[in-house]
Amino acid sequence: MKISLRAGERVYINGAVLRVDRKVSVELVNDVMFLLEGQIMQASDATTALRQLYFIVQLMLMNPTDVRDASALYGQHHAALLAVCESQEMLVGLGAVDDLVGATRYFEALKRIRALFPVEQAILAGATIDSPFEAA
């Protein structure tokens, strides 16, 4: 896989953070877990239940040698989402996410969660003040 980075951009590869000082292309010749800087969610942006789930899975991807705590938190948060969610589309998506996380395919799980952001936003737009999707 070949990725292109802009000057000053960072990439997270198997828990390591690399920052480049000029435009560069990098070819990853073996299986690695990586995130580009633009795919990273800051803790302050995890303002909804689904975004919090994204942040937890992101932690698992960024620190692959120590996923125990994040995995336990993921399990609790995922179960809580399933317990309150009524949207069939969201339930199917969360099931797919759980399968991917269980197979340690964190990058694909993040992509699947991102695809659910518009669904969550639609739910929140029509939700009342005591919606179960409000940020914890």
Protein backbone atom coordinates (compact mmCIF):
# COMPACT_ATOMS: atom_id res chain seq x y z
CA MET A 1 0.00 0.00 0.00
CA LYS A 2 1.32 3.43 -0.90
CA ILE A 3 0.36 6.54 1.07
CA SER A 4 1.22 10.14 0.30
CA LEU A 5 1.88 12.67 3.04
CA ARG A 6 2.10 16.44 2.94
CA ALA A 7 4.85 18.41 4.65
CA GLY A 8 4.27 18.42 8.40
CA GLU A 9 1.62 15.68 8.24
CA ARG A 10 1.71 12.80 10.70
CA VAL A 11 0.90 9.14 10.25
CA TYR A 12 0.39 6.63 13.06
CA ILE A 13 1.83 3.21 12.18
CA ASN A 14 1.57 0.31 14.64
CA GLY A 15 1.59 2.74 17.56
CA ALA A 16 4.50 4.84 16.28
CA VAL A 17 3.97 8.47 15.24
CA LEU A 18 5.87 9.62 12.16
CA ARG A 19 5.94 13.24 11.00
CA VAL A 20 7.42 14.17 7.66
CA ASP A 21 9.13 17.48 6.91
CA ARG A 22 8.32 17.50 3.19
CA LYS A 23 5.89 15.96 0.75
CA VAL A 24 6.61 12.26 0.58
CA SER A 25 5.14 8.96 -0.54
CA VAL A 26 5.62 5.91 1.64
CA GLU A 27 5.07 2.36 0.55
CA LEU A 28 3.98 -0.02 3.29
CA VAL A 29 5.19 -3.42 2.14
CA ASN A 30 3.80 -5.55 4.95
CA ASP A 31 0.65 -5.69 7.05
CA VAL A 32 0.49 -2.71 9.41
CA MET A 33 -2.19 -0.77 11.22
CA PHE A 34 -2.05 2.91 10.40
CA LEU A 35 -4.07 6.11 10.59
CA LEU A 36 -3.47 9.32 8.72
CA GLU A 37 -3.59 12.51 10.75
CA GLY A 38 -6.89 13.54 9.14
CA GLN A 39 -8.54 10.35 10.42
CA ILE A 40 -7.58 10.99 14.03
CA MET A 41 -10.34 12.12 16.36
CA GLN A 42 -9.35 14.27 19.30
CA ALA A 43 -10.91 13.46 22.69
CA SER A 44 -12.68 16.83 22.64
CA ASP A 45 -14.44 15.82 19.40
CA ALA A 46 -15.90 12.62 20.89
CA THR A 47 -19.15 14.42 21.73
CA THR A 48 -21.69 11.71 20.89
CA ALA A 49 -21.99 8.04 21.80
CA LEU A 50 -20.89 6.86 18.36
CA ARG A 51 -17.97 9.30 18.25
CA GLN A 52 -16.91 8.01 21.66
CA LEU A 53 -16.97 4.47 20.27
CA TYR A 54 -14.80 5.67 17.35
CA PHE A 55 -12.34 7.23 19.80
CA ILE A 56 -12.10 3.97 21.80
CA VAL A 57 -11.43 1.87 18.68
CA GLN A 58 -8.92 4.48 17.54
CA LEU A 59 -7.04 3.98 20.83
CA MET A 60 -6.95 0.26 20.13
CA LEU A 61 -5.46 0.87 16.69
CA MET A 62 -2.95 3.48 17.84
CA ASN A 63 -1.61 1.37 20.70
CA PRO A 64 -1.79 -2.22 19.47
CA THR A 65 0.54 -3.59 22.16
CA ASP A 66 -1.79 -2.55 25.00
CA VAL A 67 -5.45 -2.89 24.03
CA ARG A 68 -6.69 -4.55 27.23
CA ASP A 69 -8.16 -1.45 28.90
CA ALA A 70 -9.49 0.02 25.66
CA SER A 71 -11.00 -3.35 24.74
CA ALA A 72 -12.86 -3.56 28.05
CA LEU A 73 -14.12 0.00 27.61
CA TYR A 74 -15.14 -0.82 24.03
CA GLY A 75 -17.16 -3.82 25.22
CA GLN A 76 -19.03 -1.74 27.80
CA HIS A 77 -19.70 1.15 25.44
CA HIS A 78 -20.76 -1.10 22.54
CA ALA A 79 -23.15 -3.04 24.79
CA ALA A 80 -24.66 0.21 26.10
CA LEU A 81 -25.22 1.45 22.55
CA LEU A 82 -26.91 -1.81 21.55
CA ALA A 83 -29.15 -1.63 24.62
CA VAL A 84 -30.55 1.81 23.78
CA CYS A 85 -30.45 1.87 20.00
CA GLU A 86 -33.72 1.39 18.11
CA SER A 87 -32.51 2.12 14.57
CA GLN A 88 -32.16 -1.09 12.54
CA GLU A 89 -29.50 0.53 10.36
CA MET A 90 -27.51 1.47 13.45
CA LEU A 91 -27.90 -2.00 14.99
CA VAL A 92 -26.69 -3.71 11.81
CA GLY A 93 -23.75 -1.30 11.62
CA LEU A 94 -22.82 -1.84 15.25
CA GLY A 95 -22.91 -5.60 14.68
CA ALA A 96 -20.52 -5.24 11.76
CA VAL A 97 -18.25 -3.01 13.85
CA ASP A 98 -18.18 -5.61 16.62
CA ASP A 99 -17.22 -8.35 14.14
CA LEU A 100 -14.37 -6.19 12.80
CA VAL A 101 -13.10 -5.28 16.26
CA GLY A 102 -13.27 -8.94 17.28
CA ALA A 103 -11.07 -9.77 14.29
CA THR A 104 -8.66 -6.91 15.26
CA ARG A 105 -9.51 -5.14 12.00
CA TYR A 106 -9.59 -1.76 13.73
CA PHE A 107 -9.07 0.39 10.63
CA GLU A 108 -12.06 -1.19 8.89
CA ALA A 109 -14.08 -0.82 12.10
CA LEU A 110 -13.27 2.90 12.16
CA LYS A 111 -14.40 3.23 8.54
CA ARG A 112 -17.67 1.46 9.41
CA ILE A 113 -18.24 3.70 12.42
CA ARG A 114 -17.58 6.82 10.32
CA ALA A 115 -20.20 5.58 7.85
CA LEU A 116 -22.71 5.54 10.74
CA PHE A 117 -22.07 9.18 11.74
CA PRO A 118 -24.81 10.51 9.40
CA VAL A 119 -27.27 7.96 10.80
CA GLU A 120 -26.47 9.05 14.33
CA GLN A 121 -26.74 12.70 13.32
CA ALA A 122 -30.21 12.07 11.86
CA ILE A 123 -31.27 10.34 15.06
CA LEU A 124 -29.93 13.20 17.15
CA ALA A 125 -31.64 15.79 14.95
CA GLY A 126 -34.99 14.20 15.70
CA ALA A 127 -34.21 13.30 19.30
CA THR A 128 -35.62 14.81 22.44
CA ILE A 129 -33.49 16.17 25.27
CA ASP A 130 -33.26 12.81 27.08
CA SER A 131 -32.00 10.90 24.05
CA PRO A 132 -29.83 7.88 24.85
CA PHE A 133 -27.42 9.07 22.14
CA GLU A 134 -26.34 12.15 24.00
CA ALA A 135 -22.70 12.23 24.94
CA ALA A 136 -21.87 10.62 28.24
